[in-house]
Amino acid sequence: MNPKPPRSDMVVRSTIQPLARGVAFGSLLLASAITARWLFLQTRRIVLRPTPFTTPPLGPAAVEPQRRRIVVSDLHLGGGDRLDDFAEDATFAAFLEHYVAGGAPTDLILAGDSFEFLQIRLPTIADDDYSQAAALARIAVIVEAHSTFFAALARFVADPRHQVTLLIGNHDFELHYPAVKAHLAAALGLSPHDPRLRFGRDYHGGGVYIVHGNQFDVWNRFVNFGGISEPFEVVRGSQLVKEVINDLEDDPLPFAALIDNVKPTSALFWYLVALPRLRDAASRRFLARGLAGFFQVVALPTPHHMPIDGRSPTSIRRRLQILNGLWQLVMRFRRGRVARHREVARQVGAVAGVVEPPGSMLDQMQVEAVRQIERERRAFNDRFTREMQKIARQPQHQHDSFFVCGHTHLARIVNLGHGQTYFNVGTWTEIIQNVATMRRQEQRFPFLEITYPHGPTPQAHLLVWNGPDEPPHLWHV
């Protein structure tokens, strides 16, 4: 006969078992609530109404067939603060003066994400204000912070043989607003409709097709990329920048300012895990904050649509005043939710800074993270190649030779067959090749030069700018 357990053990067991059941039941309820909310947000019907703020594509009728073209992408000019990733104003000015402007009539094509609207924070404008007035205030800050850059562009287009074409990307989607276009024209000393400054959703002509490329990326794909909708469409990649990455970049750690250079966005988790010096408490706090923010954006997505005027949608304002009041409550709740998410992330980070995992575990985590980053990069690059190949096979592109985009920050040259080539022109911002060792990209300033030396058939070379004292060299694959 088995002896009875001591009475103290029975008391402890009788106390713990209901507590454990309660915790399990509470966890189940929380998981069910999260799942139900996620399903609701994924299936709820949101009507995106078109607005007059659109930008048409630049087709063959608008493209001079045999004009020399220089393509640069993903400059990400910001506000001149810690969040600004572009510090190459003088380099770009020298590039324009000594190479781009010194030849035949040239179309300088900036292929999207030229301006970093998502990282301009102003004390008088809410972070989720996507109105034309807010966009105008943000572009004014960018122009003021990069006077050398804009002065060089102004000198370039002062020559009537040259023109600048700005394609729209996911970080400068507000280029659709006419007030933003007019401000940029004025910064170059041009009238709003001067043909020397043009804007396009994509660019097709002269045997070339150019697009930014965010529409190939599920994190940054717009339902209506052709213009501003009401309510304003905020894709998940933009939400991640606004709600997580900008907050992380405020951290004084030396690698924090580079965290937004992550491509693809889906690899942010692995980039954080692969960060060096995780044996340091401050680095572990940074990692935990980043992971907590990342998972909140992924698991608890917000409605990715905001009013374009900072108030309620026009359709609501036309109805009962009480509905407008309810909308304001929704807006305050959204802003409070972002603040709560950041506070949760900071609290998680504080705990992680105290807990020090074994060194062997950290080593294994970093090795696996670096491996996963490479896997994500390959999959990302392969997806872009497949999408470009689909476009190249369309009837309207059967006679085009080159298909060009940016967005990935990863310069590439891929033979598509049938005499067609895909170029990714990379970025001029600093790229981390290996997060664990913080090894940087050595080929810093890539650009694509397209010329027509023998008639209508274009030739293209992906080059790297080395400065005015030596000629550009071919991009090394």
Protein backbone atom coordinates (compact mmCIF):
# COMPACT_ATOMS: atom_id res chain seq x y z
CA MET A 1 0.00 0.00 0.00
CA ASN A 2 1.42 3.39 -1.07
CA PRO A 3 1.90 5.92 1.71
CA LYS A 4 -0.15 9.10 1.55
CA PRO A 5 1.75 12.23 0.47
CA PRO A 6 2.51 14.73 3.21
CA ARG A 7 -0.30 17.16 3.93
CA SER A 8 1.90 20.14 2.94
CA ASP A 9 2.40 18.62 -0.53
CA MET A 10 -1.35 18.14 -0.89
CA VAL A 11 -1.97 21.78 0.04
CA VAL A 12 0.62 23.02 -2.47
CA ARG A 13 -0.79 20.76 -5.18
CA SER A 14 -4.36 21.85 -4.48
CA THR A 15 -3.24 25.47 -4.77
CA ILE A 16 -1.08 25.11 -7.89
CA GLN A 17 -3.46 23.00 -9.96
CA PRO A 18 -6.32 25.55 -10.05
CA LEU A 19 -3.77 28.30 -10.65
CA ALA A 20 -2.25 26.37 -13.56
CA ARG A 21 -5.70 25.69 -14.99
CA GLY A 22 -6.52 29.37 -14.67
CA VAL A 23 -3.32 30.42 -16.42
CA ALA A 24 -3.94 27.88 -19.19
CA PHE A 25 -7.54 29.04 -19.60
CA GLY A 26 -6.46 32.69 -19.64
CA SER A 27 -3.78 31.94 -22.22
CA LEU A 28 -6.35 30.15 -24.36
CA LEU A 29 -8.72 33.12 -24.13
CA LEU A 30 -5.90 35.54 -25.03
CA ALA A 31 -4.83 33.40 -27.99
CA SER A 32 -8.45 33.15 -29.15
CA ALA A 33 -8.89 36.91 -28.87
CA ILE A 34 -5.69 37.57 -30.82
CA THR A 35 -6.73 35.07 -33.51
CA ALA A 36 -10.23 36.53 -33.76
CA ARG A 37 -8.88 40.07 -34.04
CA TRP A 38 -6.33 39.01 -36.65
CA LEU A 39 -9.03 37.28 -38.73
CA PHE A 40 -11.30 40.32 -38.41
CA LEU A 41 -8.59 42.70 -39.59
CA GLN A 42 -7.69 40.39 -42.47
CA THR A 43 -11.25 39.98 -43.71
CA ARG A 44 -12.84 43.36 -42.96
CA ARG A 45 -13.84 45.27 -46.06
CA ILE A 46 -12.06 48.58 -46.55
CA VAL A 47 -13.10 50.77 -49.45
CA LEU A 48 -10.19 52.75 -50.91
CA ARG A 49 -11.69 55.69 -52.75
CA PRO A 50 -9.59 57.28 -55.50
CA THR A 51 -8.51 60.91 -55.17
CA PRO A 52 -7.22 63.37 -57.79
CA PHE A 53 -3.69 62.88 -56.40
CA THR A 54 -2.33 60.45 -58.99
CA THR A 55 0.80 60.00 -61.09
CA PRO A 56 0.54 58.29 -64.49
CA PRO A 57 3.22 56.01 -65.91
CA LEU A 58 5.71 57.44 -68.39
CA GLY A 59 5.11 55.49 -71.59
CA PRO A 60 6.82 55.41 -75.00
CA ALA A 61 5.10 58.62 -76.10
CA ALA A 62 6.79 60.48 -73.20
CA VAL A 63 10.22 58.86 -73.55
CA GLU A 64 12.73 60.10 -76.12
CA PRO A 65 13.87 56.85 -77.80
CA GLN A 66 17.66 57.27 -77.96
CA ARG A 67 18.41 59.63 -75.08
CA ARG A 68 21.22 58.65 -72.71
CA ARG A 69 19.83 57.46 -69.38
CA ILE A 70 21.48 57.25 -65.96
CA VAL A 71 19.51 55.25 -63.37
CA VAL A 72 20.09 55.52 -59.61
CA SER A 73 17.77 54.17 -56.92
CA ASP A 74 17.08 54.20 -53.20
CA LEU A 75 18.90 57.31 -52.02
CA HIS A 76 16.60 57.70 -48.99
CA LEU A 77 17.28 61.39 -48.33
CA GLY A 78 16.02 62.20 -44.84
CA GLY A 79 15.86 65.11 -42.46
CA GLY A 80 19.55 65.42 -41.59
CA ASP A 81 19.13 63.75 -38.19
CA ARG A 82 20.07 60.32 -36.80
CA LEU A 83 17.35 58.66 -38.87
CA ASP A 84 18.79 60.04 -42.12
CA ASP A 85 20.75 57.37 -44.02
CA PHE A 86 22.02 59.58 -46.85
CA ALA A 87 25.32 61.30 -46.10
CA GLU A 88 26.70 61.41 -49.63
CA ASP A 89 25.54 64.83 -50.85
CA ALA A 90 29.04 65.89 -51.91
CA THR A 91 29.67 62.52 -53.60
CA PHE A 92 26.42 62.75 -55.54
CA ALA A 93 27.12 66.36 -56.54
CA ALA A 94 30.54 65.33 -57.90
CA PHE A 95 28.93 62.41 -59.73
CA LEU A 96 26.50 64.79 -61.47
CA GLU A 97 29.09 67.43 -62.29
CA HIS A 98 31.96 65.23 -63.46
CA TYR A 99 30.14 62.34 -65.12
CA VAL A 100 26.39 62.65 -65.67
CA ALA A 101 26.27 66.24 -66.95
CA GLY A 102 29.39 66.07 -69.08
CA GLY A 103 28.02 64.24 -72.10
CA ALA A 104 25.05 63.87 -74.40
CA PRO A 105 21.53 64.99 -73.45
CA THR A 106 20.74 62.86 -70.41
CA ASP A 107 17.70 61.71 -68.47
CA LEU A 108 18.72 61.18 -64.83
CA ILE A 109 16.20 58.66 -63.49
CA LEU A 110 15.86 58.33 -59.71
CA ALA A 111 14.00 55.03 -59.52
CA GLY A 112 12.05 55.40 -56.28
CA ASP A 113 12.67 55.81 -52.54
CA SER A 114 14.67 58.93 -53.31
CA PHE A 115 13.12 60.64 -50.26
CA GLU A 116 12.50 59.16 -46.82
CA PHE A 117 9.06 60.48 -45.85
CA LEU A 118 8.59 57.64 -43.33
CA GLN A 119 11.43 58.89 -41.10
CA ILE A 120 10.69 62.62 -40.95
CA ARG A 121 9.37 63.35 -37.46
CA LEU A 122 8.10 66.85 -36.78
CA PRO A 123 6.88 68.18 -33.41
CA THR A 124 3.86 69.91 -34.95
CA ILE A 125 2.67 67.00 -37.12
CA ALA A 126 1.35 63.65 -35.92
CA ASP A 127 3.37 60.67 -37.07
CA ASP A 128 0.27 59.16 -38.69
CA ASP A 129 -0.72 62.36 -40.52
CA TYR A 130 -0.52 61.54 -44.23
CA SER A 131 -2.19 64.68 -45.53
CA GLN A 132 -0.82 66.80 -48.35
CA ALA A 133 0.07 69.52 -45.83
CA ALA A 134 2.07 67.02 -43.75
CA ALA A 135 3.83 65.70 -46.85
CA LEU A 136 4.73 69.25 -47.89
CA ALA A 137 6.21 69.96 -44.45
CA ARG A 138 8.28 66.77 -44.62
CA ILE A 139 9.67 67.39 -48.11
CA ALA A 140 10.59 70.94 -47.05
CA VAL A 141 12.69 69.47 -44.21
CA ILE A 142 14.40 67.08 -46.65
CA VAL A 143 15.21 69.84 -49.14
CA GLU A 144 16.66 72.04 -46.40
CA ALA A 145 18.74 69.20 -44.95
CA HIS A 146 20.28 68.34 -48.35
CA SER A 147 20.98 71.73 -49.90
CA THR A 148 24.16 70.47 -51.61
CA PHE A 149 22.24 67.65 -53.30
CA PHE A 150 19.46 69.91 -54.59
CA ALA A 151 21.88 72.62 -55.70
CA ALA A 152 23.67 69.99 -57.82
CA LEU A 153 20.38 68.84 -59.34
CA ALA A 154 19.45 72.47 -60.07
CA ARG A 155 22.74 73.00 -61.91
CA PHE A 156 22.16 69.79 -63.86
CA VAL A 157 18.70 70.75 -65.14
CA ALA A 158 19.81 74.34 -65.79
CA ASP A 159 21.24 72.83 -68.96
CA PRO A 160 18.12 72.51 -71.17
CA ARG A 161 19.49 69.30 -72.71
CA HIS A 162 19.04 67.40 -69.44
CA GLN A 163 16.06 66.27 -67.39
CA VAL A 164 15.35 64.52 -64.09
CA THR A 165 12.73 61.78 -63.77
CA LEU A 166 11.49 60.80 -60.30
CA LEU A 167 9.76 57.44 -60.02
CA ILE A 168 7.60 56.76 -56.99
CA GLY A 169 8.54 54.19 -54.35
CA ASN A 170 7.04 52.98 -51.10
CA HIS A 171 9.11 55.37 -48.93
CA ASP A 172 8.23 58.43 -51.04
CA PHE A 173 4.65 57.54 -51.95
CA GLU A 174 3.67 61.12 -51.04
CA LEU A 175 5.26 62.25 -54.33
CA HIS A 176 1.75 61.73 -55.70
CA TYR A 177 0.72 65.00 -54.01
CA PRO A 178 0.90 67.99 -56.42
CA ALA A 179 2.13 70.32 -53.67
CA VAL A 180 5.14 68.04 -53.10
CA LYS A 181 5.90 67.97 -56.83
CA ALA A 182 5.68 71.76 -57.01
CA HIS A 183 8.01 72.17 -54.01
CA LEU A 184 10.63 69.93 -55.62
CA ALA A 185 10.36 71.84 -58.89
CA ALA A 186 10.92 75.11 -57.03
CA ALA A 187 13.95 73.60 -55.27
CA LEU A 188 15.45 73.00 -58.74
CA GLY A 189 14.56 76.50 -59.95
CA LEU A 190 11.80 75.21 -62.23
CA SER A 191 8.11 75.94 -62.66
CA PRO A 192 5.70 73.18 -61.56
CA HIS A 193 5.14 71.81 -65.08
CA ASP A 194 8.61 72.26 -66.55
CA PRO A 195 9.41 69.11 -68.61
CA ARG A 196 12.93 69.02 -67.15
CA LEU A 197 11.43 67.51 -63.98
CA ARG A 198 9.02 64.64 -64.45
CA PHE A 199 7.28 62.17 -62.15
CA GLY A 200 6.15 58.67 -63.02
CA ARG A 201 4.80 55.46 -61.59
CA ASP A 202 7.01 53.54 -64.00
CA TYR A 203 9.04 54.27 -67.13
CA HIS A 204 8.80 52.48 -70.49
CA GLY A 205 10.48 53.45 -73.74
CA GLY A 206 13.68 53.24 -75.73
CA GLY A 207 13.86 49.47 -75.16
CA VAL A 208 13.85 49.92 -71.37
CA TYR A 209 11.31 49.29 -68.59
CA ILE A 210 11.99 50.81 -65.14
CA VAL A 211 9.94 50.56 -61.95
CA HIS A 212 10.83 50.92 -58.27
CA GLY A 213 9.92 47.31 -57.43
CA ASN A 214 8.03 47.51 -54.14
CA GLN A 215 4.97 45.96 -55.81
CA PHE A 216 6.94 42.69 -56.01
CA ASP A 217 7.34 42.72 -52.20
CA VAL A 218 4.32 41.53 -50.18
CA TRP A 219 5.33 43.72 -47.22
CA ASN A 220 5.34 46.87 -49.36
CA ARG A 221 2.72 46.19 -52.03
CA PHE A 222 -0.04 48.77 -52.41
CA VAL A 223 -3.56 47.97 -53.54
CA ASN A 224 -3.58 51.30 -55.39
CA PHE A 225 0.00 52.23 -56.24
CA GLY A 226 -1.13 54.66 -58.93
CA GLY A 227 -2.23 57.39 -56.53
CA ILE A 228 -3.38 58.50 -53.10
CA SER A 229 -6.52 56.80 -51.82
CA GLU A 230 -8.98 57.92 -49.18
CA PRO A 231 -8.32 56.66 -46.58
CA PHE A 232 -4.55 56.74 -47.10
CA GLU A 233 -3.10 53.28 -47.64
CA VAL A 234 -0.30 52.30 -45.25
CA VAL A 235 1.39 49.01 -46.12
CA ARG A 236 2.86 46.78 -43.43
CA GLY A 237 6.45 47.66 -44.29
CA SER A 238 5.65 51.34 -43.69
CA GLN A 239 3.95 50.46 -40.42
CA LEU A 240 7.07 48.60 -39.29
CA VAL A 241 9.27 51.62 -40.06
CA LYS A 242 6.96 54.07 -38.30
CA GLU A 243 6.14 52.00 -35.22
CA VAL A 244 9.28 49.92 -34.62
CA ILE A 245 12.36 50.83 -36.63
CA ASN A 246 12.29 54.59 -36.03
CA ASP A 247 12.12 53.96 -32.28
CA LEU A 248 15.03 51.49 -32.46
CA GLU A 249 17.21 53.95 -34.37
CA ASP A 250 17.02 56.37 -31.45
CA ASP A 251 19.09 53.90 -29.43
CA PRO A 252 22.71 55.07 -28.87
CA LEU A 253 24.17 51.67 -29.83
CA PRO A 254 26.51 52.08 -32.84
CA PHE A 255 24.63 49.64 -35.07
CA ALA A 256 21.16 50.99 -34.25
CA ALA A 257 21.21 53.65 -36.98
CA LEU A 258 21.67 50.95 -39.64
CA ILE A 259 18.74 48.76 -38.62
CA ASP A 260 16.41 50.25 -41.24
CA ASN A 261 18.75 49.11 -44.03
CA VAL A 262 17.35 45.61 -43.64
CA LYS A 263 16.23 43.96 -46.87
CA PRO A 264 14.00 42.05 -47.15
CA THR A 265 11.75 43.44 -44.42
CA SER A 266 10.68 39.92 -43.48
CA ALA A 267 14.29 39.20 -42.42
CA LEU A 268 14.27 41.84 -39.64
CA PHE A 269 13.82 39.10 -37.02
CA TRP A 270 17.00 37.33 -38.15
CA TYR A 271 18.97 40.58 -38.46
CA LEU A 272 18.17 41.37 -34.84
CA VAL A 273 19.19 37.90 -33.65
CA ALA A 274 22.44 38.10 -35.65
CA LEU A 275 23.52 41.40 -34.11
CA PRO A 276 26.99 41.34 -32.55
CA ARG A 277 27.79 41.73 -28.87
CA LEU A 278 24.62 40.05 -27.56
CA ARG A 279 26.60 39.22 -24.44
CA ASP A 280 26.28 42.91 -23.67
CA ALA A 281 23.15 43.83 -21.69
CA ALA A 282 22.41 46.92 -23.81
CA SER A 283 22.54 44.83 -27.00
CA ARG A 284 20.17 42.25 -25.51
CA ARG A 285 17.74 45.00 -24.53
CA PHE A 286 17.89 46.33 -28.09
CA LEU A 287 17.27 42.84 -29.51
CA ALA A 288 14.31 42.19 -27.23
CA ARG A 289 12.73 45.58 -27.98
CA GLY A 290 13.07 44.97 -31.69
CA LEU A 291 11.63 41.46 -31.54
CA ALA A 292 8.72 42.56 -29.36
CA GLY A 293 7.88 45.38 -31.76
CA PHE A 294 8.27 43.14 -34.82
CA PHE A 295 5.96 40.47 -33.43
CA GLN A 296 3.33 43.02 -32.41
CA VAL A 297 3.25 44.40 -35.95
CA VAL A 298 3.04 40.91 -37.46
CA ALA A 299 0.66 39.25 -35.01
CA LEU A 300 -1.55 42.24 -34.24
CA PRO A 301 -1.75 44.23 -37.48
CA THR A 302 -3.48 47.57 -37.40
CA PRO A 303 -5.94 48.67 -40.05
CA HIS A 304 -3.39 49.91 -42.61
CA HIS A 305 -5.47 52.85 -43.75
CA MET A 306 -5.55 56.38 -42.37
CA PRO A 307 -7.41 59.56 -43.33
CA ILE A 308 -5.53 61.76 -45.78
CA ASP A 309 -6.38 64.97 -43.96
CA GLY A 310 -5.62 63.96 -40.37
CA ARG A 311 -9.34 63.99 -39.60
CA SER A 312 -12.17 61.58 -40.43
CA PRO A 313 -12.93 60.43 -43.97
CA THR A 314 -15.07 62.85 -45.98
CA SER A 315 -17.89 60.31 -46.13
CA ILE A 316 -18.13 60.31 -42.31
CA ARG A 317 -17.93 64.10 -41.97
CA ARG A 318 -20.89 64.40 -44.32
CA ARG A 319 -22.98 62.31 -41.98
CA LEU A 320 -23.93 62.76 -38.34
CA GLN A 321 -21.54 64.69 -36.15
CA ILE A 322 -21.55 61.82 -33.67
CA LEU A 323 -19.87 59.59 -36.28
CA ASN A 324 -17.12 62.15 -36.63
CA GLY A 325 -16.66 62.07 -32.88
CA LEU A 326 -16.44 58.29 -32.93
CA TRP A 327 -13.78 58.52 -35.63
CA GLN A 328 -11.70 60.81 -33.45
CA LEU A 329 -11.93 58.22 -30.67
CA VAL A 330 -10.70 55.57 -33.11
CA MET A 331 -7.76 57.80 -34.06
CA ARG A 332 -6.81 58.38 -30.41
CA PHE A 333 -7.06 54.64 -29.74
CA ARG A 334 -4.75 53.88 -32.67
CA ARG A 335 -2.15 56.38 -31.47
CA GLY A 336 -2.44 55.06 -27.94
CA ARG A 337 -1.98 51.51 -29.22
CA VAL A 338 1.30 52.46 -30.90
CA ALA A 339 2.51 54.04 -27.65
CA ARG A 340 1.47 50.93 -25.70
CA HIS A 341 3.31 48.65 -28.14
CA ARG A 342 6.48 50.70 -27.73
CA GLU A 343 6.17 50.60 -23.94
CA VAL A 344 5.70 46.81 -24.00
CA ALA A 345 8.79 46.52 -26.20
CA ARG A 346 10.82 48.65 -23.78
CA GLN A 347 9.69 46.57 -20.79
CA VAL A 348 10.61 43.34 -22.58
CA GLY A 349 13.98 44.89 -23.40
CA ALA A 350 14.59 45.81 -19.77
CA VAL A 351 14.01 42.21 -18.67
CA ALA A 352 16.23 40.84 -21.45
CA GLY A 353 19.08 43.08 -20.37
CA VAL A 354 19.14 41.42 -16.95
CA VAL A 355 18.90 37.83 -18.19
CA GLU A 356 22.18 36.61 -19.69
CA PRO A 357 21.84 33.38 -21.73
CA PRO A 358 24.78 30.96 -22.05
CA GLY A 359 27.45 32.01 -24.52
CA SER A 360 27.10 28.77 -26.49
CA MET A 361 23.41 29.51 -27.02
CA LEU A 362 24.20 32.99 -28.34
CA ASP A 363 26.79 31.58 -30.71
CA GLN A 364 24.31 29.05 -32.09
CA MET A 365 21.64 31.73 -32.46
CA GLN A 366 23.96 33.98 -34.45
CA VAL A 367 25.15 31.20 -36.75
CA GLU A 368 21.56 30.20 -37.51
CA ALA A 369 20.49 33.83 -37.96
CA VAL A 370 23.22 34.53 -40.52
CA ARG A 371 22.19 31.38 -42.41
CA GLN A 372 18.54 32.43 -42.40
CA ILE A 373 19.40 35.95 -43.60
CA GLU A 374 21.17 34.51 -46.63
CA ARG A 375 18.21 32.24 -47.32
CA GLU A 376 15.78 35.18 -47.11
CA ARG A 377 17.98 37.26 -49.41
CA ARG A 378 18.15 34.52 -52.03
CA ALA A 379 14.39 34.02 -51.93
CA PHE A 380 13.85 37.80 -52.14
CA ASN A 381 16.16 38.16 -55.14
CA ASP A 382 14.62 35.15 -56.87
CA ARG A 383 11.13 36.59 -56.41
CA PHE A 384 12.15 39.84 -58.09
CA THR A 385 13.76 37.95 -60.97
CA ARG A 386 10.56 35.94 -61.51
CA GLU A 387 8.41 39.07 -61.46
CA MET A 388 10.65 40.84 -63.96
CA GLN A 389 10.61 37.77 -66.18
CA LYS A 390 6.79 37.80 -66.15
CA ILE A 391 6.83 41.44 -67.27
CA ALA A 392 9.43 40.75 -69.94
CA ARG A 393 7.22 38.03 -71.44
CA GLN A 394 4.25 40.37 -71.87
CA PRO A 395 3.51 41.32 -75.51
CA GLN A 396 4.13 45.05 -74.97
CA HIS A 397 7.66 44.27 -73.74
CA GLN A 398 8.77 41.68 -76.28
CA HIS A 399 11.05 44.21 -78.01
CA ASP A 400 12.49 45.67 -74.79
CA SER A 401 16.05 44.77 -73.82
CA PHE A 402 16.45 45.91 -70.21
CA PHE A 403 14.21 45.62 -67.15
CA VAL A 404 15.34 47.74 -64.22
CA CYS A 405 14.29 48.24 -60.60
CA GLY A 406 15.63 49.06 -57.14
CA HIS A 407 13.94 48.51 -53.75
CA THR A 408 15.97 45.46 -52.68
CA HIS A 409 19.19 47.49 -52.09
CA LEU A 410 20.96 44.48 -53.65
CA ALA A 411 22.50 45.26 -57.04
CA ARG A 412 22.16 42.40 -59.54
CA ILE A 413 22.49 41.48 -63.20
CA VAL A 414 20.35 38.54 -64.39
CA ASN A 415 20.04 37.18 -67.92
CA LEU A 416 16.32 36.62 -68.61
CA GLY A 417 16.89 34.94 -71.96
CA HIS A 418 15.59 36.06 -75.36
CA GLY A 419 18.11 38.91 -75.40
CA GLN A 420 16.63 40.49 -72.25
CA THR A 421 18.41 41.41 -69.01
CA TYR A 422 17.22 42.34 -65.52
CA PHE A 423 19.24 44.95 -63.63
CA ASN A 424 18.79 45.90 -60.00
CA VAL A 425 20.63 49.16 -59.41
CA GLY A 426 21.01 48.74 -55.64
CA THR A 427 21.30 51.74 -53.32
CA TRP A 428 23.68 54.55 -52.33
CA THR A 429 22.99 54.02 -48.61
CA GLU A 430 25.36 51.95 -46.50
CA ILE A 431 24.73 48.21 -46.69
CA ILE A 432 25.75 45.64 -44.07
CA GLN A 433 26.87 42.47 -45.84
CA ASN A 434 27.36 40.43 -42.66
CA VAL A 435 25.49 41.46 -39.52
CA ALA A 436 27.58 39.33 -37.16
CA THR A 437 30.87 40.91 -38.28
CA MET A 438 29.34 44.26 -39.44
CA ARG A 439 31.14 43.92 -42.78
CA ARG A 440 30.01 46.68 -45.17
CA GLN A 441 29.29 46.62 -48.89
CA GLU A 442 32.47 47.73 -50.66
CA GLN A 443 30.88 48.73 -53.99
CA ARG A 444 29.14 51.80 -52.62
CA PHE A 445 27.73 53.95 -55.44
CA PRO A 446 26.15 51.86 -58.22
CA PHE A 447 24.36 53.28 -61.25
CA LEU A 448 23.11 52.02 -64.60
CA GLU A 449 24.16 53.80 -67.78
CA ILE A 450 22.05 53.19 -70.91
CA THR A 451 23.25 54.50 -74.27
CA TYR A 452 22.44 54.03 -77.96
CA PRO A 453 25.76 53.98 -79.83
CA HIS A 454 24.47 52.02 -82.84
CA GLY A 455 20.89 53.18 -83.32
CA PRO A 456 17.67 52.19 -81.51
CA THR A 457 19.09 49.12 -79.73
CA PRO A 458 20.24 50.12 -76.22
CA GLN A 459 23.43 49.12 -74.45
CA ALA A 460 23.59 49.06 -70.64
CA HIS A 461 26.36 48.83 -68.06
CA LEU A 462 25.97 48.57 -64.29
CA LEU A 463 28.80 50.75 -63.00
CA VAL A 464 30.23 51.98 -59.70
CA TRP A 465 31.20 55.61 -59.16
CA ASN A 466 34.73 55.92 -57.77
CA GLY A 467 35.02 59.69 -57.59
CA PRO A 468 36.13 62.30 -60.14
CA ASP A 469 39.76 61.14 -60.25
CA GLU A 470 39.15 57.74 -61.84
CA PRO A 471 36.59 56.31 -64.27
CA PRO A 472 33.68 54.21 -63.01
CA HIS A 473 34.28 50.47 -62.97
CA LEU A 474 31.89 47.67 -63.83
CA TRP A 475 29.87 46.22 -60.98
CA HIS A 476 31.53 43.01 -59.81
CA VAL A 477 28.93 40.26 -59.51
